[in-house]
N, C-alpha and C. Protein backbone atom coordinates (compact mmCIF):
# COMPACT_ATOMS: atom_id res chain seq x y z
N MET A 1 14.51 5.30 -14.74
CA MET A 1 13.08 5.42 -14.50
C MET A 1 12.80 5.38 -13.00
N GLU A 2 11.96 6.28 -12.56
CA GLU A 2 11.61 6.31 -11.14
C GLU A 2 10.25 5.67 -10.93
N HIS A 3 10.18 4.82 -9.94
CA HIS A 3 8.97 4.05 -9.68
C HIS A 3 8.26 4.52 -8.43
N HIS A 4 6.95 4.42 -8.47
CA HIS A 4 6.09 4.71 -7.33
C HIS A 4 5.51 3.37 -6.90
N ILE A 5 6.09 2.80 -5.86
CA ILE A 5 5.73 1.42 -5.50
C ILE A 5 4.80 1.36 -4.30
N GLU A 6 4.07 0.25 -4.23
CA GLU A 6 3.24 -0.08 -3.08
C GLU A 6 3.82 -1.32 -2.42
N VAL A 7 3.82 -1.33 -1.09
CA VAL A 7 4.34 -2.47 -0.33
C VAL A 7 3.19 -3.09 0.46
N ASP A 8 3.08 -4.42 0.38
CA ASP A 8 2.05 -5.12 1.14
C ASP A 8 2.67 -6.32 1.85
N GLN A 9 2.02 -6.73 2.93
CA GLN A 9 2.48 -7.85 3.74
C GLN A 9 1.37 -8.89 3.83
N SER A 10 1.71 -10.15 3.67
CA SER A 10 0.77 -11.23 3.93
C SER A 10 1.26 -11.94 5.18
N ILE A 11 0.45 -12.00 6.17
CA ILE A 11 0.72 -12.59 7.48
C ILE A 11 1.69 -11.70 8.25
N LYS A 12 1.20 -11.12 9.32
CA LYS A 12 2.00 -10.19 10.11
C LYS A 12 3.23 -10.87 10.71
N VAL A 13 4.29 -10.08 10.90
CA VAL A 13 5.55 -10.65 11.39
C VAL A 13 5.43 -11.23 12.79
N GLU A 14 4.50 -10.72 13.58
CA GLU A 14 4.37 -11.27 14.94
C GLU A 14 3.61 -12.59 14.98
N GLN A 15 3.03 -13.00 13.88
CA GLN A 15 2.38 -14.31 13.79
C GLN A 15 3.48 -15.33 13.45
N THR A 16 4.07 -15.87 14.47
CA THR A 16 5.31 -16.65 14.29
C THR A 16 5.10 -18.13 13.95
N ARG A 17 3.89 -18.54 13.74
CA ARG A 17 3.66 -19.94 13.32
C ARG A 17 3.52 -20.06 11.81
N ARG A 18 3.46 -18.90 11.14
CA ARG A 18 3.32 -18.92 9.68
C ARG A 18 4.36 -17.97 9.06
N HIS A 19 4.72 -18.25 7.84
CA HIS A 19 5.67 -17.40 7.12
C HIS A 19 5.04 -16.05 6.82
N THR A 20 5.87 -15.03 6.70
CA THR A 20 5.44 -13.71 6.27
C THR A 20 5.99 -13.47 4.88
N VAL A 21 5.18 -12.88 4.03
CA VAL A 21 5.60 -12.50 2.69
C VAL A 21 5.42 -11.00 2.55
N LEU A 22 6.45 -10.32 2.05
CA LEU A 22 6.38 -8.89 1.74
C LEU A 22 6.61 -8.74 0.25
N ALA A 23 5.85 -7.85 -0.37
CA ALA A 23 5.99 -7.65 -1.81
C ALA A 23 5.82 -6.18 -2.15
N PHE A 24 6.49 -5.75 -3.23
CA PHE A 24 6.19 -4.44 -3.78
C PHE A 24 5.96 -4.58 -5.26
N SER A 25 5.24 -3.61 -5.80
CA SER A 25 4.92 -3.68 -7.21
C SER A 25 4.73 -2.29 -7.80
N ASP A 26 5.10 -2.18 -9.04
CA ASP A 26 4.87 -1.05 -9.95
C ASP A 26 5.24 -1.65 -11.30
N ASP A 27 6.06 -0.97 -12.09
CA ASP A 27 6.61 -1.59 -13.30
C ASP A 27 7.66 -2.62 -12.90
N ILE A 28 8.18 -2.45 -11.70
CA ILE A 28 9.13 -3.42 -11.14
C ILE A 28 8.42 -4.11 -9.98
N GLN A 29 8.88 -5.30 -9.63
CA GLN A 29 8.27 -5.99 -8.49
C GLN A 29 9.31 -6.85 -7.80
N ARG A 30 9.04 -7.13 -6.55
CA ARG A 30 9.95 -7.96 -5.75
C ARG A 30 9.16 -8.58 -4.62
N VAL A 31 9.55 -9.80 -4.25
CA VAL A 31 8.87 -10.54 -3.18
C VAL A 31 9.92 -11.22 -2.30
N ILE A 32 9.75 -11.09 -0.98
CA ILE A 32 10.60 -11.83 -0.06
C ILE A 32 9.72 -12.64 0.89
N LEU A 33 10.28 -13.72 1.41
CA LEU A 33 9.59 -14.56 2.38
C LEU A 33 10.43 -14.62 3.64
N ILE A 34 9.79 -14.39 4.78
CA ILE A 34 10.46 -14.51 6.07
C ILE A 34 9.89 -15.75 6.75
N PRO A 35 10.69 -16.81 6.85
CA PRO A 35 10.19 -18.05 7.45
C PRO A 35 9.78 -17.87 8.91
N ALA A 36 8.79 -18.64 9.34
CA ALA A 36 8.29 -18.58 10.71
C ALA A 36 9.42 -18.79 11.72
N ALA A 37 10.30 -19.74 11.47
CA ALA A 37 11.40 -20.03 12.40
C ALA A 37 12.34 -18.83 12.53
N VAL A 38 12.56 -18.12 11.44
CA VAL A 38 13.41 -16.93 11.47
C VAL A 38 12.73 -15.84 12.30
N LYS A 39 11.43 -15.69 12.16
CA LYS A 39 10.71 -14.68 12.94
C LYS A 39 10.78 -15.01 14.44
N ARG A 40 10.61 -16.27 14.79
CA ARG A 40 10.69 -16.66 16.21
C ARG A 40 12.08 -16.38 16.77
N ALA A 41 13.10 -16.74 16.02
CA ALA A 41 14.48 -16.52 16.48
C ALA A 41 14.78 -15.02 16.60
N CYS A 42 14.27 -14.24 15.69
CA CYS A 42 14.48 -12.79 15.71
C CYS A 42 13.80 -12.18 16.94
N GLN A 43 12.56 -12.59 17.20
CA GLN A 43 11.85 -12.09 18.38
C GLN A 43 12.64 -12.39 19.65
N GLN A 44 13.12 -13.61 19.74
CA GLN A 44 13.88 -14.02 20.92
C GLN A 44 15.16 -13.19 21.06
N GLU A 45 15.86 -12.99 19.98
CA GLU A 45 17.10 -12.20 19.99
C GLU A 45 16.81 -10.75 20.41
N LEU A 46 15.75 -10.17 19.89
CA LEU A 46 15.41 -8.79 20.24
C LEU A 46 15.02 -8.67 21.70
N ARG A 47 14.29 -9.67 22.21
CA ARG A 47 13.94 -9.67 23.64
C ARG A 47 15.20 -9.70 24.50
N LEU A 48 16.14 -10.57 24.12
CA LEU A 48 17.38 -10.72 24.88
C LEU A 48 18.21 -9.45 24.88
N THR A 49 18.10 -8.65 23.82
CA THR A 49 18.88 -7.41 23.75
C THR A 49 18.13 -6.22 24.36
N GLY A 50 16.95 -6.48 24.95
CA GLY A 50 16.24 -5.45 25.68
C GLY A 50 15.30 -4.57 24.87
N VAL A 51 14.97 -4.98 23.66
CA VAL A 51 14.01 -4.21 22.87
C VAL A 51 12.64 -4.32 23.54
N LYS A 52 11.97 -3.17 23.69
CA LYS A 52 10.65 -3.16 24.34
C LYS A 52 9.68 -4.02 23.53
N PRO A 53 8.85 -4.80 24.23
CA PRO A 53 7.91 -5.70 23.55
C PRO A 53 7.08 -5.02 22.46
N GLY A 54 6.64 -3.80 22.69
CA GLY A 54 5.82 -3.10 21.71
C GLY A 54 6.57 -2.69 20.45
N MET A 55 7.89 -2.70 20.51
CA MET A 55 8.70 -2.30 19.36
C MET A 55 9.18 -3.49 18.53
N ILE A 56 9.09 -4.68 19.05
CA ILE A 56 9.63 -5.85 18.36
C ILE A 56 8.98 -6.05 16.99
N ALA A 57 7.66 -6.07 16.94
CA ALA A 57 6.96 -6.27 15.66
C ALA A 57 7.26 -5.13 14.70
N LEU A 58 7.30 -3.90 15.20
CA LEU A 58 7.58 -2.75 14.33
C LEU A 58 8.97 -2.84 13.73
N ARG A 59 9.92 -3.23 14.55
CA ARG A 59 11.30 -3.38 14.05
C ARG A 59 11.39 -4.50 13.01
N MET A 60 10.74 -5.61 13.29
CA MET A 60 10.78 -6.73 12.35
C MET A 60 10.09 -6.37 11.03
N PHE A 61 8.96 -5.67 11.12
CA PHE A 61 8.26 -5.25 9.91
C PHE A 61 9.13 -4.29 9.10
N ALA A 62 9.69 -3.28 9.76
CA ALA A 62 10.54 -2.31 9.06
C ALA A 62 11.76 -3.02 8.45
N ALA A 63 12.34 -3.96 9.18
CA ALA A 63 13.49 -4.71 8.66
C ALA A 63 13.10 -5.50 7.41
N GLY A 64 11.92 -6.09 7.43
CA GLY A 64 11.43 -6.81 6.26
C GLY A 64 11.25 -5.89 5.07
N VAL A 65 10.68 -4.71 5.29
CA VAL A 65 10.50 -3.74 4.20
C VAL A 65 11.86 -3.32 3.67
N LEU A 66 12.81 -3.09 4.55
CA LEU A 66 14.16 -2.69 4.11
C LEU A 66 14.82 -3.79 3.29
N LEU A 67 14.66 -5.04 3.71
CA LEU A 67 15.21 -6.14 2.92
C LEU A 67 14.55 -6.22 1.55
N LEU A 68 13.28 -5.91 1.50
CA LEU A 68 12.55 -5.89 0.24
C LEU A 68 13.09 -4.78 -0.69
N LEU A 69 13.42 -3.64 -0.10
CA LEU A 69 13.87 -2.48 -0.87
C LEU A 69 15.36 -2.49 -1.19
N GLU A 70 16.12 -3.30 -0.47
CA GLU A 70 17.57 -3.34 -0.61
C GLU A 70 17.99 -3.43 -2.08
N GLY A 71 18.85 -2.52 -2.49
CA GLY A 71 19.36 -2.52 -3.86
C GLY A 71 18.41 -1.94 -4.88
N GLN A 72 17.25 -1.47 -4.45
CA GLN A 72 16.24 -0.94 -5.37
C GLN A 72 16.01 0.55 -5.22
N MET A 73 16.49 1.15 -4.15
CA MET A 73 16.12 2.52 -3.80
C MET A 73 16.52 3.56 -4.83
N ASP A 74 17.55 3.31 -5.61
CA ASP A 74 17.96 4.29 -6.61
C ASP A 74 16.89 4.52 -7.67
N SER A 75 16.01 3.55 -7.86
CA SER A 75 14.98 3.69 -8.89
C SER A 75 13.58 3.93 -8.31
N ILE A 76 13.50 4.17 -6.99
CA ILE A 76 12.20 4.37 -6.35
C ILE A 76 12.01 5.84 -6.00
N ALA A 77 10.93 6.41 -6.52
CA ALA A 77 10.62 7.82 -6.27
C ALA A 77 9.72 7.98 -5.05
N SER A 78 8.82 7.02 -4.85
CA SER A 78 7.95 7.08 -3.69
C SER A 78 7.55 5.67 -3.26
N LEU A 79 7.19 5.59 -2.00
CA LEU A 79 6.91 4.31 -1.36
C LEU A 79 5.61 4.45 -0.57
N THR A 80 4.62 3.65 -0.93
CA THR A 80 3.36 3.62 -0.18
C THR A 80 3.29 2.27 0.51
N VAL A 81 3.23 2.32 1.84
CA VAL A 81 3.24 1.11 2.64
C VAL A 81 1.82 0.87 3.16
N ASP A 82 1.35 -0.36 3.04
CA ASP A 82 0.03 -0.71 3.56
C ASP A 82 0.01 -0.48 5.07
N VAL A 83 -1.11 0.03 5.56
CA VAL A 83 -1.26 0.27 7.00
C VAL A 83 -1.41 -1.09 7.68
N GLU A 84 -0.37 -1.50 8.36
CA GLU A 84 -0.37 -2.78 9.07
C GLU A 84 -0.44 -2.56 10.58
N TYR A 85 0.11 -1.43 11.04
CA TYR A 85 0.19 -1.14 12.47
C TYR A 85 -0.35 0.27 12.68
N GLU A 86 -1.67 0.36 12.76
CA GLU A 86 -2.39 1.63 12.88
C GLU A 86 -1.84 2.46 14.03
N GLY A 87 -1.54 3.72 13.75
CA GLY A 87 -1.04 4.64 14.76
C GLY A 87 0.46 4.55 14.97
N LYS A 88 1.12 3.61 14.35
CA LYS A 88 2.56 3.42 14.54
C LYS A 88 3.36 3.81 13.29
N GLU A 89 2.70 4.49 12.35
CA GLU A 89 3.35 4.83 11.09
C GLU A 89 4.60 5.70 11.29
N GLY A 90 4.54 6.61 12.27
CA GLY A 90 5.69 7.49 12.54
C GLY A 90 6.92 6.70 12.95
N GLU A 91 6.72 5.74 13.84
CA GLU A 91 7.84 4.91 14.29
C GLU A 91 8.40 4.08 13.14
N ILE A 92 7.52 3.50 12.34
CA ILE A 92 7.96 2.68 11.20
C ILE A 92 8.71 3.54 10.19
N LYS A 93 8.17 4.71 9.89
CA LYS A 93 8.82 5.62 8.94
C LYS A 93 10.23 6.00 9.44
N GLY A 94 10.35 6.27 10.73
CA GLY A 94 11.67 6.58 11.31
C GLY A 94 12.65 5.43 11.15
N LEU A 95 12.18 4.21 11.40
CA LEU A 95 13.04 3.03 11.25
C LEU A 95 13.47 2.86 9.79
N LEU A 96 12.55 3.10 8.87
CA LEU A 96 12.87 2.97 7.44
C LEU A 96 13.87 4.03 7.01
N LEU A 97 13.62 5.27 7.42
CA LEU A 97 14.48 6.38 6.99
C LEU A 97 15.91 6.26 7.50
N ARG A 98 16.07 5.64 8.66
CA ARG A 98 17.41 5.47 9.22
C ARG A 98 18.35 4.80 8.22
N PHE A 99 17.83 3.85 7.44
CA PHE A 99 18.65 3.15 6.45
C PHE A 99 18.49 3.73 5.05
N ILE A 100 17.27 4.10 4.67
CA ILE A 100 17.05 4.62 3.33
C ILE A 100 17.91 5.86 3.08
N LEU A 101 18.04 6.72 4.09
CA LEU A 101 18.85 7.93 3.92
C LEU A 101 20.35 7.62 3.80
N LYS A 102 20.77 6.48 4.29
CA LYS A 102 22.17 6.04 4.08
C LYS A 102 22.34 5.58 2.64
N TRP A 103 21.32 4.91 2.11
CA TRP A 103 21.38 4.40 0.74
C TRP A 103 21.23 5.52 -0.28
N VAL A 104 20.27 6.41 -0.01
CA VAL A 104 19.96 7.50 -0.94
C VAL A 104 19.87 8.80 -0.13
N PRO A 105 21.03 9.44 0.12
CA PRO A 105 21.00 10.69 0.88
C PRO A 105 20.07 11.69 0.17
N GLY A 106 19.27 12.36 0.92
CA GLY A 106 18.36 13.33 0.34
C GLY A 106 17.03 12.74 -0.11
N PHE A 107 16.81 11.45 0.11
CA PHE A 107 15.51 10.87 -0.23
C PHE A 107 14.45 11.62 0.57
N PRO A 108 13.43 12.15 -0.10
CA PRO A 108 12.44 12.97 0.63
C PRO A 108 11.58 12.15 1.60
N LYS A 109 11.52 12.62 2.83
CA LYS A 109 10.73 11.93 3.85
C LYS A 109 9.27 11.83 3.45
N GLU A 110 8.79 12.84 2.74
CA GLU A 110 7.39 12.87 2.31
C GLU A 110 7.08 11.80 1.28
N ALA A 111 8.10 11.22 0.69
CA ALA A 111 7.90 10.20 -0.34
C ALA A 111 7.52 8.85 0.25
N ILE A 112 7.54 8.75 1.58
CA ILE A 112 7.10 7.52 2.25
C ILE A 112 5.75 7.82 2.88
N THR A 113 4.72 7.12 2.39
CA THR A 113 3.37 7.32 2.91
C THR A 113 2.77 5.98 3.32
N PHE A 114 1.71 6.06 4.09
CA PHE A 114 1.01 4.87 4.57
C PHE A 114 -0.47 5.01 4.21
N ARG A 115 -1.02 3.97 3.62
CA ARG A 115 -2.47 3.93 3.36
C ARG A 115 -2.87 2.48 3.12
N ARG A 116 -4.15 2.23 3.21
CA ARG A 116 -4.65 0.88 2.95
C ARG A 116 -4.47 0.58 1.46
N ILE A 117 -3.77 -0.49 1.18
CA ILE A 117 -3.46 -0.86 -0.21
C ILE A 117 -4.66 -1.54 -0.87
N GLY A 118 -5.27 -2.47 -0.19
CA GLY A 118 -6.43 -3.16 -0.74
C GLY A 118 -6.08 -4.41 -1.52
N LYS A 119 -7.05 -5.26 -1.67
CA LYS A 119 -6.83 -6.57 -2.30
C LYS A 119 -6.63 -6.50 -3.81
N LYS A 120 -6.97 -5.38 -4.42
CA LYS A 120 -6.81 -5.27 -5.88
C LYS A 120 -5.41 -4.80 -6.27
N SER A 121 -4.60 -4.44 -5.30
CA SER A 121 -3.24 -3.97 -5.56
C SER A 121 -2.38 -5.11 -6.10
N PRO A 122 -1.55 -4.84 -7.11
CA PRO A 122 -0.62 -5.87 -7.58
C PRO A 122 0.32 -6.36 -6.47
N ALA A 123 0.69 -5.48 -5.54
CA ALA A 123 1.56 -5.89 -4.43
C ALA A 123 0.84 -6.91 -3.54
N HIS A 124 -0.43 -6.68 -3.28
CA HIS A 124 -1.21 -7.63 -2.47
C HIS A 124 -1.29 -8.98 -3.19
N ARG A 125 -1.57 -8.93 -4.47
CA ARG A 125 -1.69 -10.18 -5.24
C ARG A 125 -0.37 -10.96 -5.22
N LEU A 126 0.74 -10.26 -5.42
CA LEU A 126 2.06 -10.91 -5.38
C LEU A 126 2.32 -11.57 -4.02
N ALA A 127 2.06 -10.82 -2.96
CA ALA A 127 2.31 -11.35 -1.61
C ALA A 127 1.42 -12.57 -1.34
N TRP A 128 0.15 -12.48 -1.69
CA TRP A 128 -0.79 -13.56 -1.41
C TRP A 128 -0.47 -14.80 -2.24
N GLU A 129 -0.17 -14.62 -3.52
CA GLU A 129 0.17 -15.78 -4.37
C GLU A 129 1.44 -16.46 -3.88
N THR A 130 2.39 -15.68 -3.41
CA THR A 130 3.63 -16.26 -2.89
C THR A 130 3.34 -16.99 -1.58
N TYR A 131 2.56 -16.39 -0.71
CA TYR A 131 2.22 -17.05 0.55
C TYR A 131 1.53 -18.39 0.29
N ARG A 132 0.64 -18.44 -0.69
CA ARG A 132 -0.09 -19.67 -1.00
C ARG A 132 0.75 -20.67 -1.79
N GLY A 133 1.97 -20.33 -2.16
CA GLY A 133 2.85 -21.25 -2.86
C GLY A 133 2.67 -21.28 -4.36
N GLU A 134 1.90 -20.33 -4.89
CA GLU A 134 1.67 -20.28 -6.34
C GLU A 134 2.82 -19.58 -7.08
N ARG A 135 3.66 -18.92 -6.34
CA ARG A 135 4.78 -18.16 -6.90
C ARG A 135 5.96 -18.29 -5.95
N LYS A 136 7.15 -18.32 -6.48
CA LYS A 136 8.34 -18.43 -5.64
C LYS A 136 8.80 -17.03 -5.22
N PRO A 137 9.26 -16.89 -3.97
CA PRO A 137 9.78 -15.58 -3.56
C PRO A 137 11.12 -15.32 -4.23
N GLY A 138 11.44 -14.06 -4.39
CA GLY A 138 12.74 -13.71 -4.96
C GLY A 138 13.86 -13.96 -3.96
N ARG A 139 13.50 -13.98 -2.68
CA ARG A 139 14.51 -14.14 -1.63
C ARG A 139 13.84 -14.73 -0.40
N VAL A 140 14.52 -15.67 0.23
CA VAL A 140 14.09 -16.21 1.52
C VAL A 140 15.05 -15.62 2.55
N VAL A 141 14.53 -14.89 3.50
CA VAL A 141 15.31 -14.12 4.46
C VAL A 141 15.88 -15.02 5.55
N THR A 142 17.13 -14.76 5.92
CA THR A 142 17.78 -15.47 7.03
C THR A 142 17.70 -14.61 8.29
N LEU A 143 17.97 -15.22 9.44
CA LEU A 143 17.97 -14.48 10.70
C LEU A 143 18.99 -13.35 10.66
N GLU A 144 20.18 -13.63 10.16
CA GLU A 144 21.24 -12.61 10.11
C GLU A 144 20.81 -11.41 9.27
N GLN A 145 20.16 -11.68 8.14
CA GLN A 145 19.70 -10.59 7.28
C GLN A 145 18.64 -9.75 7.99
N LEU A 146 17.70 -10.39 8.66
CA LEU A 146 16.64 -9.67 9.36
C LEU A 146 17.20 -8.84 10.50
N LEU A 147 18.11 -9.42 11.27
CA LEU A 147 18.69 -8.71 12.41
C LEU A 147 19.54 -7.51 11.97
N ARG A 148 20.06 -7.53 10.77
CA ARG A 148 20.88 -6.43 10.26
C ARG A 148 20.12 -5.10 10.31
N TYR A 149 18.82 -5.15 10.13
CA TYR A 149 18.00 -3.93 10.11
C TYR A 149 17.13 -3.76 11.35
N CYS A 150 17.18 -4.72 12.27
CA CYS A 150 16.37 -4.59 13.50
C CYS A 150 17.08 -3.71 14.51
């Protein structure tokens, strides 16, 4: 079965005093949590390796989405990502495709779109409930895992 999923984020990755939660939903769903300490360490590591300041948040966001999608791409037909970084969708899409095309050669670039998901989306509800502690994440991300895709 091929799924058309929506991805939402609760608390932006550059807000390093609070955890970030990423979730997707359709008939399948998945939630990951990126701890604040992991985000701070990742930012520091990216700065040390010379990543431009404007790209750090984009790389961390894309890495989070990739960790969310890891092992799921064979069953995903399309991916709609909430607009988190207005005007930067092209850069984010490029970062995502760099790995998605390794996982699923021939995955259509047009199958990744960006639009406002909204609060009624199941993905938004999953992310928000997890952020508030009402639901456990499927995975808590480590620094090593996040850096793998940055």
